């Protein structure tokens, strides 16, 4: 402005000089040179008239010069004028008062080159006022001796250059100044374009004399900008009374300011100088910041988009002065939120702006903040801090016209930083550090029926933010169902706090939740409606109890559950892939989906190493070899398949081993289907204990008592491990071929076993019955009658075929057609197996084969028959020969031996029976036990009593007794398979014949 006034004074001097020398002009060349010399001397600048100069005397003294240049090297000012025109009233020739009618500068180009600090050289004769940077005293002094009707600039350009800053250009300058008299109003109106923004301003002072005499003068100022330099700052109007103080400063009292739609009371002090300074106090009854927060794209009044340089709002218009400002507002409004008792202070010095919000009281609590920035930057960076000791969350959400299921106090102590002034730039560049916490908070879980389980409390929980570029960590202990819940949550702060639509895009998170009855881990993205996609880990010791805590049902038979994998979950369903799952201890892997409907809908494809359907369904059956309770009754366990009614499932299964309890087949590829309370499993032909099995199983949970139906066909299975796993029976070997068709129902495993009915056909080939050697029994009949029989698991009766068909009724499988074919014997028999009591009772009648190779005809052994009895529990049956019939009828034994074609007259058996032999009779050997048997036919003695004599101990102390559920005795069997005194032991039927013929 100082340089601009110098130019005006130079132009005025030019006009006066032109009038003064007008009569003496002789030629235009001389006139241009003389004008340049005179004006250069008057202004201290170098002024040259390079074009035509025209003079006129009427009606006013006037001069018009073209192509005028001005250079003030000391001031760093150069200027070019396309045309300079000036005129003065003729009265100025005889008056000491200069009356300027017009000064017009057309298309001036003024260049200001700022020198580095210390290089500036004051212009010769420059006054203190001029050096101070305040043009008003010089203007007032000039106007005391002058009257200016009009000073104008048209299409002007001002260029400011400096080594430190880019070139600043003010173009399209239009300026008009009128000051007709020192006692009249001074007015200025101007427009210009700077930095892609158009400005218009007007300024008036009621009277300059009042200022000169240090009296209040009325001042008005209006400024408009297009586009606005900041939201809500498109226009500014100010008015008040200004007073010139003795120190050269200007003071405004009782002023009023309108910025946008805001009105302030204004008291200010302006101190001119090389760097002007403002002190401003603003008072407002109501301050609405909503217009200032409008981030709509900036456009010009013509509707065209602003240039890129204008599109970025900045604060560079504040860089040319220093200021101290305070704002006090009784009420502050921002959108729907209002605050009271607002105090704000700002200080601007050398381009650094520091602002502090000392107090902001809202209904939810109070907030304090501070911020600082450099207004000289194209994109100013703001840094500050925000603090609150406690904001009521419910009231805070009400202020935002929202309802949240959360109560308590929100505490804030955080520093922040961001770049730019529009919302988009702030979101992109904002950063935050500090803590945000909840105190005495309570959260209500949605969808929980039980009021005691709906509320989650937190005495204190804190979110620690290192940077928005790093995850926010929320950690603390909650209380739910009167139990502690430890939470550790990490969420990317930038996505969470600054993302646009969280409901659609979701929040990336990592969550660890530890509860007494469950653990949960998440690593994915969750959205506000209740959806989640990402990794999930969940484990609980009792899923049914855990879901019941949420008011959910549908997994009553599921206890321990563990899931790990990638899931996509919503409020009503969840799908998973590449997941591992463990249900009731059964572990699998695969993919699938679960819909939380009634019934629960499950669709999966799973792979298992070992799939135990009993454990999967929650059926804890007693182990087959478990020790029976006192009294011999097997353990009984509840059987509840009602949970099948709450599940609708289709499960594609691939298992290396698939079975129930201890019985497994595999590998298997099949499907398990649960529909309308019925579970169906079809087992295609699969490897099974060295053979194959085909089976179908149905479990029905629709009735009060669960039921099952099993159909199975087995071929080539190894009998020993199968029967051991199935029933703990270890006394039968061979290759098994069987067909089963069994159904049953019951509320316990025992009741189910007692209800079993159906049919079964079994056949064993190339096997053995362990615990007895039938051929050895016949080889050593005499020894057995004298010494007794002891069961030995090390002995066995081999066979090529063993078959039977069973009718199952009431849990008891009965047969009448047991058939055994061996190398030396044939056997037939009957008996029953009580599946509920897990006991056996079979009697097998042997027949001798008249050939050592087993190829001869069968010969009945009636009279010398030694039936084999199998009785007792599955796990520890008693297997022994019954000699009672042989001893009751020894004469029949002799007759049968005669049927063999043997020379019985040479047999010592008669002596053995009648006492003629050297060793005494069998009767004597048995100590009278035989007589007792013959006299009391109705009272059948056990084989142990017969072998041991009439006073033999009871079966529980007999040599062949095997206590129930205990391992069979392995005591030595005297005489079995050994030589009798003086005999050779052949171990074949020949031995029997030799002994009898001796």
Foldseek 3Di string as FASTA:
>chain_A
DLVVVLVVVLLVQLLVVCVVCVVVDDDQVVSQVVSQVRSCVVSVKGKGQPAGKDFDPPPWTKIKTAFMWIGDVLQQKIKTFRMWMWTWHPVVVVDQATETEEIETEAMEMEHEDDDPPSRDDRPPDDPCSQFQHCLVVVLVNQQRYFYAKYWYAFYKYWYDYPVDDIWIKTRKIKIWGGRHQQAKTKIWIWIATQLKIKTKIKIWGGNVCQVVQHWIKIKMKMAMAPALAFQQRIKIKIFIWGQDPLRKIWGAQMWMAGRNFIWGWTKIWRTGQAIEMEIETEEQEAECQRRQDQPFGDGPVRHHTDPSSRFRAQQVPQRHWYKYKYFYQWYHHPLWIWGGWIKIWTADNQKIKIWTPWTHGPFFIKIKIWIWRRNDSWIKIKMWIWTPWGWPQVVCVSVVHGFQKTFTKTGTKIKMFIGRHLVRRLVGIKMFDKIKGAFMKGAAPQAPDPLFGIKTFRMKMWGGHMLQFWIWIWGWIAGSNWIKTKIKTWNNSCVPRNDAQQPPFTAMWMWIDTPFKTKTFGFGAHDQAKTWGWIWMWGQQVQVVVVSRVAHLPNLWGTKIKTATWIDGPFKIWGAQMWMATLRFIWGGIWMWGRDFQIETETEIEGAAAAPCSNRNNDDDFLLDDAPPPLFRDKFFDALLSLNSYFYKYFYQYQWYYHQQFTWDRWTWIWGRDNQKIKTWTPWTHGQQWTKTKIKIWHRPDPWIKMWIWMWTWQHWPQVRLCRVRQARFKTAGKTKIWTWMAIGRMPLRRLQAIWGKMKMKGAFMKGFFDAVQLCLLCVVVCLQPNFATARVDIHTFGMWIWMWGDGRNKTWTQFTWTHHQFKIKTWIWIARRSSQKTWIKIKIWTALDNRSPHDTADQQLQIWIWIWIAHSNETFTDTFRLSNLQRVVVNLVSVVVSVAPQVLFCLVCQCVQVDPVGHSCVSQVNQSVVCNVCVVDDDGSQCSSNHVPGDDLVPGNRRDPHSDYGDNDDTPPRQQADVPADRPSGVVSSSVNRND
